[in-house]
Protein backbone atom coordinates (compact mmCIF):
# COMPACT_ATOMS: atom_id res chain seq x y z
CA MET A 1 13.21 25.04 -3.93
CA ALA A 2 14.02 26.59 -0.61
CA LEU A 3 11.51 26.65 1.94
CA SER A 4 9.62 29.74 3.51
CA PRO A 5 10.97 30.89 7.13
CA LEU A 6 7.38 29.33 8.30
CA ASN A 7 7.88 26.16 6.64
CA GLN A 8 11.36 25.43 7.84
CA ARG A 9 10.19 26.08 11.46
CA ARG A 10 8.02 23.74 10.67
CA TRP A 11 10.00 21.14 9.79
CA ARG A 12 12.84 21.78 12.88
CA ASN A 13 9.71 21.59 15.26
CA PHE A 14 8.79 18.21 13.55
CA ARG A 15 13.02 16.59 13.83
CA ARG A 16 13.11 17.29 17.08
CA ASN A 17 10.07 15.23 18.09
CA GLY A 18 12.00 12.01 17.93
CA ARG A 19 9.15 9.92 17.74
CA ALA A 20 7.53 11.21 14.70
CA PHE A 21 10.97 11.78 13.37
CA TRP A 22 12.46 8.27 13.38
CA SER A 23 8.59 7.08 12.60
CA LEU A 24 8.76 8.41 9.25
CA LEU A 25 11.95 7.52 8.54
CA ILE A 26 11.36 3.53 9.47
CA PHE A 27 8.31 4.27 7.45
CA SER A 28 9.98 5.71 4.47
CA VAL A 29 12.31 2.59 4.57
CA LEU A 30 9.34 0.05 4.60
CA PHE A 31 6.99 1.51 2.11
CA GLY A 32 10.20 2.48 0.05
CA LEU A 33 11.22 -1.63 -0.37
CA SER A 34 7.76 -1.78 -0.89
CA LEU A 35 7.04 -0.16 -3.88
CA PHE A 36 10.06 -2.52 -5.37
CA ALA A 37 8.34 -5.83 -3.99
CA GLU A 38 8.55 -7.20 -7.67
CA PHE A 39 12.45 -7.10 -7.22
CA ILE A 40 12.23 -8.21 -3.77
CA ALA A 41 9.56 -11.37 -3.77
CA ASN A 42 8.96 -13.30 -7.17
CA ASP A 43 8.82 -16.25 -8.94
CA LYS A 44 10.26 -14.41 -12.20
CA PRO A 45 14.01 -14.04 -12.25
CA ILE A 46 14.91 -10.28 -12.15
CA LEU A 47 17.35 -10.70 -15.39
CA VAL A 48 17.94 -13.72 -17.50
CA LYS A 49 20.74 -13.92 -20.14
CA TYR A 50 20.25 -16.14 -22.60
CA ARG A 51 22.72 -16.88 -25.47
CA GLY A 52 24.19 -13.62 -25.20
CA GLU A 53 20.88 -11.68 -25.08
CA PHE A 54 19.26 -9.92 -21.51
CA TYR A 55 15.93 -10.81 -20.66
CA THR A 56 13.84 -9.20 -17.75
CA PRO A 57 10.57 -11.22 -16.65
CA VAL A 58 9.74 -8.99 -14.12
CA PHE A 59 8.81 -6.40 -16.35
CA ASN A 60 8.03 -8.73 -20.08
CA PHE A 61 5.89 -11.55 -20.68
CA TYR A 62 8.80 -14.61 -22.47
CA ALA A 63 7.29 -17.64 -23.64
CA GLU A 64 9.03 -20.75 -22.89
CA THR A 65 10.32 -21.13 -26.67
CA ASP A 66 12.18 -18.08 -26.47
CA PHE A 67 14.51 -20.21 -23.89
CA GLY A 68 14.33 -23.32 -26.36
CA GLY A 69 11.10 -24.99 -24.74
CA ASP A 70 8.00 -26.52 -26.43
CA PHE A 71 5.16 -24.74 -25.51
CA GLN A 72 3.99 -20.88 -26.52
CA THR A 73 2.78 -20.38 -22.74
CA GLU A 74 4.63 -18.02 -20.37
CA ALA A 75 7.91 -19.73 -19.04
CA ILE A 76 7.72 -21.05 -15.65
CA TYR A 77 11.46 -20.15 -14.30
CA ARG A 78 11.20 -22.50 -11.30
CA ASP A 79 10.61 -25.47 -13.80
CA PRO A 80 13.59 -27.31 -13.58
CA GLU A 81 13.74 -27.68 -17.24
CA VAL A 82 13.68 -24.09 -17.64
CA GLN A 83 16.37 -23.67 -15.44
CA CYS A 84 18.62 -26.57 -17.37
CA LEU A 85 17.33 -24.62 -20.90
CA ILE A 86 18.43 -21.09 -19.68
CA ASP A 87 21.64 -22.22 -18.07
CA SER A 88 22.88 -24.56 -21.03
CA GLY A 89 21.85 -22.11 -23.67
CA GLY A 90 18.66 -24.39 -25.33
CA LEU A 91 20.21 -27.43 -25.33
CA GLU A 92 17.56 -30.64 -25.93
CA ALA A 93 19.47 -32.80 -23.46
CA CYS A 94 17.89 -31.01 -20.93
CA PHE A 95 14.31 -32.16 -21.25
CA ASP A 96 15.72 -35.86 -20.35
CA ASP A 97 17.58 -35.16 -17.12
CA PRO A 98 17.74 -31.17 -16.75
CA ASP A 99 18.65 -31.55 -12.50
CA GLY A 100 21.79 -33.97 -13.61
CA ILE A 101 22.80 -31.39 -16.55
CA ILE A 102 22.79 -28.69 -13.93
CA ASP A 103 24.74 -30.52 -11.74
CA GLN A 104 27.11 -31.08 -14.48
CA ILE A 105 27.36 -26.88 -15.01
CA GLN A 106 27.54 -25.96 -11.69
CA ALA A 107 30.68 -28.89 -11.20
CA GLY A 108 32.36 -27.14 -14.58
CA THR A 109 32.02 -30.47 -15.98
CA PHE A 110 29.48 -30.23 -17.96
CA GLN A 111 31.05 -30.32 -21.80
CA ALA A 112 28.89 -30.18 -25.24
CA ASP A 113 29.38 -28.24 -28.62
CA GLY A 114 27.80 -24.45 -28.95
CA PHE A 115 27.67 -24.69 -25.04
CA GLU A 116 27.03 -20.98 -24.17
CA ARG A 117 26.20 -21.05 -20.19
CA GLY A 118 23.48 -18.39 -19.29
CA TRP A 119 22.27 -17.08 -16.02
CA ALA A 120 19.94 -15.50 -13.98
CA ILE A 121 19.66 -12.91 -10.94
CA TRP A 122 16.55 -14.05 -8.48
CA PRO A 123 14.52 -11.74 -6.06
CA LEU A 124 15.46 -12.56 -2.19
CA ILE A 125 12.45 -13.84 -1.99
CA PRO A 126 11.91 -16.51 -5.08
CA TYR A 127 8.03 -16.07 -4.74
CA SER A 128 5.39 -13.94 -5.86
CA TYR A 129 1.99 -13.38 -3.32
CA THR A 130 0.54 -15.86 -5.67
CA THR A 131 2.99 -18.84 -5.37
CA SER A 132 2.48 -22.15 -4.05
CA VAL A 133 5.28 -23.10 -1.89
CA ASP A 134 6.76 -26.50 -3.05
CA ARG A 135 7.34 -28.48 0.78
CA PRO A 136 6.30 -31.45 1.86
CA GLY A 137 3.31 -31.38 4.50
CA ALA A 138 -0.46 -29.72 4.98
CA ALA A 139 -0.73 -26.61 4.87
CA PRO A 140 -0.43 -24.01 6.50
CA LEU A 141 3.76 -24.59 7.36
CA PRO A 142 5.41 -23.48 9.66
CA PRO A 143 8.23 -20.89 8.99
CA ASN A 144 11.81 -22.39 8.18
CA GLY A 145 14.66 -21.54 6.35
CA GLN A 146 12.72 -21.59 3.14
CA ASN A 147 9.80 -18.97 4.26
CA LEU A 148 10.67 -17.55 7.19
CA LEU A 149 6.46 -16.60 8.41
CA GLY A 150 5.88 -19.95 7.15
CA THR A 151 3.00 -20.43 4.27
CA ASP A 152 -0.74 -19.84 4.39
CA ASP A 153 -3.62 -22.47 3.76
CA THR A 154 -3.05 -22.60 0.21
CA LYS A 155 0.61 -22.94 1.00
CA ARG A 156 1.33 -19.43 -0.24
CA ASP A 157 4.33 -17.95 1.02
CA VAL A 158 3.47 -15.43 3.76
CA LEU A 159 6.61 -12.95 3.91
CA ALA A 160 5.82 -12.32 0.56
CA ARG A 161 2.07 -11.81 0.80
CA VAL A 162 2.83 -9.36 3.91
CA ILE A 163 5.39 -6.98 1.62
CA TYR A 164 2.68 -6.89 -1.41
CA GLY A 165 -0.65 -6.50 0.98
CA PHE A 166 1.74 -3.71 3.10
CA ARG A 167 2.52 -2.05 0.01
CA LEU A 168 -1.50 -2.33 -1.45
CA SER A 169 -2.85 -1.26 2.16
CA ILE A 170 -0.49 2.03 1.84
CA LEU A 171 -0.91 3.45 -1.68
CA PHE A 172 -5.12 2.30 -0.96
CA THR A 173 -5.26 4.32 2.37
CA LEU A 174 -2.67 7.57 0.93
CA MET A 175 -5.67 7.52 -2.48
CA VAL A 176 -8.89 7.24 -0.31
CA THR A 177 -7.50 9.64 3.00
CA GLY A 178 -5.83 12.33 -0.10
CA VAL A 179 -8.87 12.80 -1.91
CA ALA A 180 -11.64 12.60 0.95
CA SER A 181 -9.49 15.08 2.80
CA LEU A 182 -9.56 17.68 -0.47
CA ILE A 183 -13.71 17.16 -1.02
CA GLY A 184 -14.01 17.20 3.10
CA ILE A 185 -11.94 20.51 3.70
CA PHE A 186 -13.23 22.16 0.36
CA ALA A 187 -16.70 21.44 1.26
CA GLY A 188 -16.00 22.46 5.22
CA ALA A 189 -14.51 25.57 3.84
CA ILE A 190 -17.37 26.58 1.81
CA GLN A 191 -19.64 25.89 4.58
CA GLY A 192 -17.65 27.84 7.41
CA PHE A 193 -17.14 30.75 5.21
CA PHE A 194 -20.42 31.40 4.07
CA GLY A 195 -22.62 30.68 6.36
CA GLY A 196 -26.34 30.99 5.94
CA TRP A 197 -28.97 29.23 4.43
CA LEU A 198 -25.83 26.91 2.40
CA ASP A 199 -24.29 25.82 6.15
CA LEU A 200 -27.82 25.23 7.36
CA ILE A 201 -28.88 22.61 4.07
CA PHE A 202 -25.66 21.35 3.72
CA GLN A 203 -25.67 20.17 7.60
CA ARG A 204 -28.46 18.67 6.69
CA VAL A 205 -27.26 16.61 3.52
CA ILE A 206 -24.40 15.48 5.91
CA GLU A 207 -26.45 14.36 8.23
CA ILE A 208 -28.15 12.14 6.56
CA TRP A 209 -25.31 11.05 3.95
CA SER A 210 -23.31 10.10 7.53
CA ALA A 211 -26.04 7.86 9.12
CA THR A 212 -26.23 5.73 5.63
CA PRO A 213 -24.58 2.36 6.19
CA SER A 214 -21.41 2.40 4.44
CA LEU A 215 -20.79 -1.44 4.23
CA TYR A 216 -24.29 -2.91 3.62
CA VAL A 217 -23.72 0.08 0.39
CA ILE A 218 -20.34 -1.06 -0.34
CA ILE A 219 -21.41 -5.29 -0.50
CA ILE A 220 -24.88 -4.15 -2.44
CA MET A 221 -22.15 -2.46 -5.14
CA PHE A 222 -19.97 -5.39 -5.57
CA ALA A 223 -22.75 -8.08 -5.55
CA ILE A 224 -24.08 -5.76 -8.85
CA LEU A 225 -21.03 -4.83 -10.05
CA GLY A 226 -18.15 -7.37 -8.77
CA ARG A 227 -15.10 -6.42 -6.55
CA SER A 228 -12.15 -4.55 -7.76
CA PHE A 229 -9.79 -1.98 -6.57
CA TRP A 230 -10.92 0.68 -7.92
CA LEU A 231 -14.69 0.91 -7.21
CA LEU A 232 -13.31 -0.08 -3.90
CA VAL A 233 -11.32 3.22 -3.80
CA ALA A 234 -14.44 5.20 -5.08
CA LEU A 235 -16.84 3.84 -2.86
CA MET A 236 -14.91 4.93 0.40
CA ILE A 237 -13.81 8.39 -0.67
CA LEU A 238 -17.70 8.24 -0.97
CA PHE A 239 -18.55 7.28 2.63
CA SER A 240 -14.29 9.00 4.03
CA TRP A 241 -15.12 12.73 2.78
CA THR A 242 -17.34 13.90 5.82
CA GLY A 243 -15.08 13.30 8.28
CA LEU A 244 -13.01 16.19 8.49
CA VAL A 245 -16.39 18.72 7.02
CA GLY A 246 -17.14 19.39 10.73
CA VAL A 247 -13.66 20.37 12.12
CA VAL A 248 -12.92 22.27 9.25
CA ARG A 249 -16.47 24.33 9.21
CA ALA A 250 -16.08 25.26 12.80
CA GLU A 251 -12.95 26.77 12.32
CA PHE A 252 -13.96 28.65 9.29
CA LEU A 253 -16.98 29.82 11.54
CA ARG A 254 -14.86 30.76 13.96
CA ALA A 255 -12.22 32.48 11.81
CA ARG A 256 -14.74 34.53 9.40
CA ASN A 257 -15.38 37.47 11.70
CA LEU A 258 -11.67 37.93 12.73
CA GLU A 259 -9.50 41.21 11.98
CA TYR A 260 -7.44 40.07 9.02
CA VAL A 261 -10.67 38.75 7.50
CA ARG A 262 -12.45 41.00 7.92
CA ALA A 263 -9.10 43.57 6.77
CA ALA A 264 -8.65 41.39 3.82
CA ARG A 265 -11.97 41.80 2.20
CA ALA A 266 -12.08 45.81 2.74
CA LEU A 267 -9.03 45.37 0.50
CA GLY A 268 -11.14 43.59 -1.89
CA VAL A 269 -9.40 40.43 -1.89
CA GLY A 270 -11.72 37.95 -3.31
CA ASN A 271 -13.15 35.29 -1.47
CA GLY A 272 -11.30 31.96 -2.61
CA THR A 273 -7.91 33.58 -1.47
CA ILE A 274 -8.65 34.89 1.38
CA MET A 275 -10.51 31.23 2.33
CA PHE A 276 -7.42 29.02 1.13
CA ARG A 277 -4.47 31.42 1.38
CA HIS A 278 -5.15 33.05 4.38
CA MET A 279 -8.02 31.14 6.63
CA LEU A 280 -6.93 27.39 5.22
CA PRO A 281 -3.53 27.20 7.12
CA ASN A 282 -5.25 28.93 10.52
CA ALA A 283 -7.26 25.80 10.32
CA MET A 284 -4.94 23.28 9.33
CA VAL A 285 -3.65 21.90 13.17
CA ALA A 286 -7.43 21.11 13.99
CA THR A 287 -7.30 19.36 10.71
CA LEU A 288 -4.65 17.49 11.00
CA THR A 289 -5.85 16.24 14.65
CA PHE A 290 -8.04 14.29 12.49
CA MET A 291 -5.61 13.10 10.25
CA PRO A 292 -4.89 9.76 12.03
CA PHE A 293 -8.39 8.69 12.49
CA ILE A 294 -8.81 9.20 8.90
CA VAL A 295 -5.82 7.08 7.89
CA THR A 296 -6.09 4.22 10.91
CA GLY A 297 -9.86 4.01 10.04
CA THR A 298 -9.50 3.62 6.03
CA ILE A 299 -6.81 0.61 6.88
CA GLY A 300 -9.04 -0.50 9.32
CA GLY A 301 -11.79 -0.23 7.13
CA LEU A 302 -10.25 -2.34 4.02
CA ALA A 303 -8.78 -5.03 6.64
CA SER A 304 -12.31 -4.83 8.12
CA LEU A 305 -14.17 -5.89 4.49
CA ASP A 306 -11.28 -8.46 2.94
CA PHE A 307 -11.32 -10.09 6.65
CA LEU A 308 -15.89 -10.35 5.80
CA GLY A 309 -15.04 -11.18 2.40
CA PHE A 310 -16.44 -8.04 0.79
CA GLY A 311 -12.64 -6.07 0.10
CA LEU A 312 -10.37 -6.76 -2.71
CA PRO A 313 -10.62 -9.49 -4.96
CA SER A 314 -9.12 -13.06 -3.70
CA SER A 315 -6.46 -12.74 -6.06
CA ALA A 316 -5.20 -9.67 -4.40
CA PRO A 317 -2.82 -9.58 -1.72
CA SER A 318 -4.86 -8.72 1.12
CA LEU A 319 -3.70 -8.48 4.96
CA GLY A 320 -7.67 -8.56 6.19
CA GLU A 321 -7.86 -11.68 4.07
CA LEU A 322 -4.30 -12.95 6.36
CA THR A 323 -6.72 -12.09 9.60
CA LEU A 324 -9.04 -14.22 8.21
CA GLN A 325 -7.02 -16.97 7.82
CA ALA A 326 -5.40 -16.88 11.42
CA LYS A 327 -8.65 -17.17 12.60
CA GLN A 328 -9.60 -20.37 10.49
CA ASN A 329 -6.17 -21.33 11.14
CA LEU A 330 -5.87 -21.98 14.99
CA GLN A 331 -3.53 -24.26 14.78
CA ALA A 332 -1.24 -22.17 12.93
CA PRO A 333 -0.25 -18.94 15.32
CA TRP A 334 2.27 -17.93 12.77
CA LEU A 335 -0.22 -16.32 10.75
CA ALA A 336 -1.91 -14.31 13.97
CA PHE A 337 1.32 -13.10 14.77
CA THR A 338 1.93 -12.02 11.24
CA ALA A 339 -0.98 -10.08 11.09
CA PHE A 340 -1.15 -8.70 14.51
CA PHE A 341 2.54 -7.11 14.40
CA THR A 342 2.06 -6.25 10.99
CA PHE A 343 -1.01 -4.14 11.47
CA ALA A 344 0.85 -2.92 14.90
CA ILE A 345 3.48 -0.89 12.81
CA MET A 346 2.26 0.16 10.34
CA LEU A 347 -0.53 1.73 12.09
CA SER A 348 1.89 3.02 15.09
CA LEU A 349 4.01 4.70 12.23
CA LEU A 350 1.32 6.19 10.59
CA VAL A 351 -0.45 7.87 14.19
CA PHE A 352 3.01 8.97 15.22
CA ILE A 353 3.87 10.70 12.24
CA PHE A 354 0.80 11.99 12.08
CA GLU A 355 1.00 13.15 15.66
CA GLY A 356 4.74 15.16 14.68
CA VAL A 357 2.72 16.74 11.68
CA ARG A 358 0.06 18.44 13.90
CA ASP A 359 2.49 19.47 16.74
CA ALA A 360 4.76 21.25 13.58
CA PHE A 361 1.73 23.31 12.18
CA ASP A 362 0.95 24.04 15.49
CA PRO A 363 2.63 27.50 16.52
CA ARG A 364 2.04 26.99 20.10
CA LYS A 365 4.28 24.07 20.39
CA THR A 366 7.94 23.57 20.23
CA PHE A 367 10.75 20.74 20.91
CA SER A 368 13.61 21.09 22.60
C-alpha cells in the first residue's frame, strides 16, 4: 500500500535524521535477532537427524527413549551418552564409553553392524538462559572463549541471559506503552474535546489516581496473587496510562475552537470523526514528545522491580536481576559492565528513534 504524500514527507524527514535512522536500523537488527533467541542461545539442538528421521528439539519435547535411552524424561542433549546415541544411531555401547565412541566416530574409525550416523545442528551459544555452565571454579566465572560475558552467581551464561532479557524487556515495553498510550490518548481527547464538568471530574480522578503509590500496589498484588508476566503488564498499564492524558487534553482544548473544527461541526461531521481524524493528527507532535519518557520509564520500572525482587518471576531472564547480581558480586565487574552497557545502548537507541519520529511529525522541522 502506497503512502500518502503527507506520510511520504514524514518518512523523508525521518530518513534525513541520521541519528534516528541509524538507531532504528541498529535497534531493528538487535531486536530481530533477539526474537530468534532460541536459535541463537539454547541448550537444545535446532535440528537432529536420528536413524533417518528429523527431530526439532527447539520446538518439541522428545524423551531420552526416543533416541535409544532409558528414561522417559526429556533428553539432556548435552549429556555425552545422549550425544553418542544420536551420533551412533542408538548403539548400546554408548552407555559404557560414550566419549570413546564419539571420538571414533569423529575420527572415522568406528565400525559396527547397522551403524547409521546421526547429527545435530546446535545454536551459536550452546546455553539457554537457565542452563548451568559446566566450568570449574566458583561462580561467578569471568569471561572466556566458552562464555563471552562470563557467568552469573549460579553459573548461567550471561550473554544468553542478556539476549533473552533484551527481548523480554522490549516486548514488555511495547505492550505496556502501546496499550497505555491508547488509553491515555483516548481519555485526554474526550476530556479536551468536551470539557466542562466531564473534564473537571475526570481531572480530579486522574489526580487521585496519579498520587497512588504504584510500587506498593504492585508489591501487594504480587504478594496476594504471585508474580507473573501478564499480571505485571496489567498493573503497569493501570498506572502508566495517565502519562499522556495531560498533553493530549491540552492540545484538544486548544484546537476545539479553531476554525477547521468549527467548520467541520457546521458541516455536520460527527464528534468521533472530528476528534480522531482531524484533531488527533495535529496533537501527535506533542504526544510523541512524551513517548520517549514513557518508554524509558517503563523499562526503568521493570528493571527497578526486578532489582528489588518484586518484578518478573525468578525463572525469567531479567536485566534488572542481572543488575542486582552486579551489586551483590562486586568482585565480578563483568556483570556490572554488561548490565550498564545493555541498558545504555537499549535506552539510547529508543530515545533517538522516538526523537526522530517526533521531529518527522512536526511540519516545522526539515532536515538537509
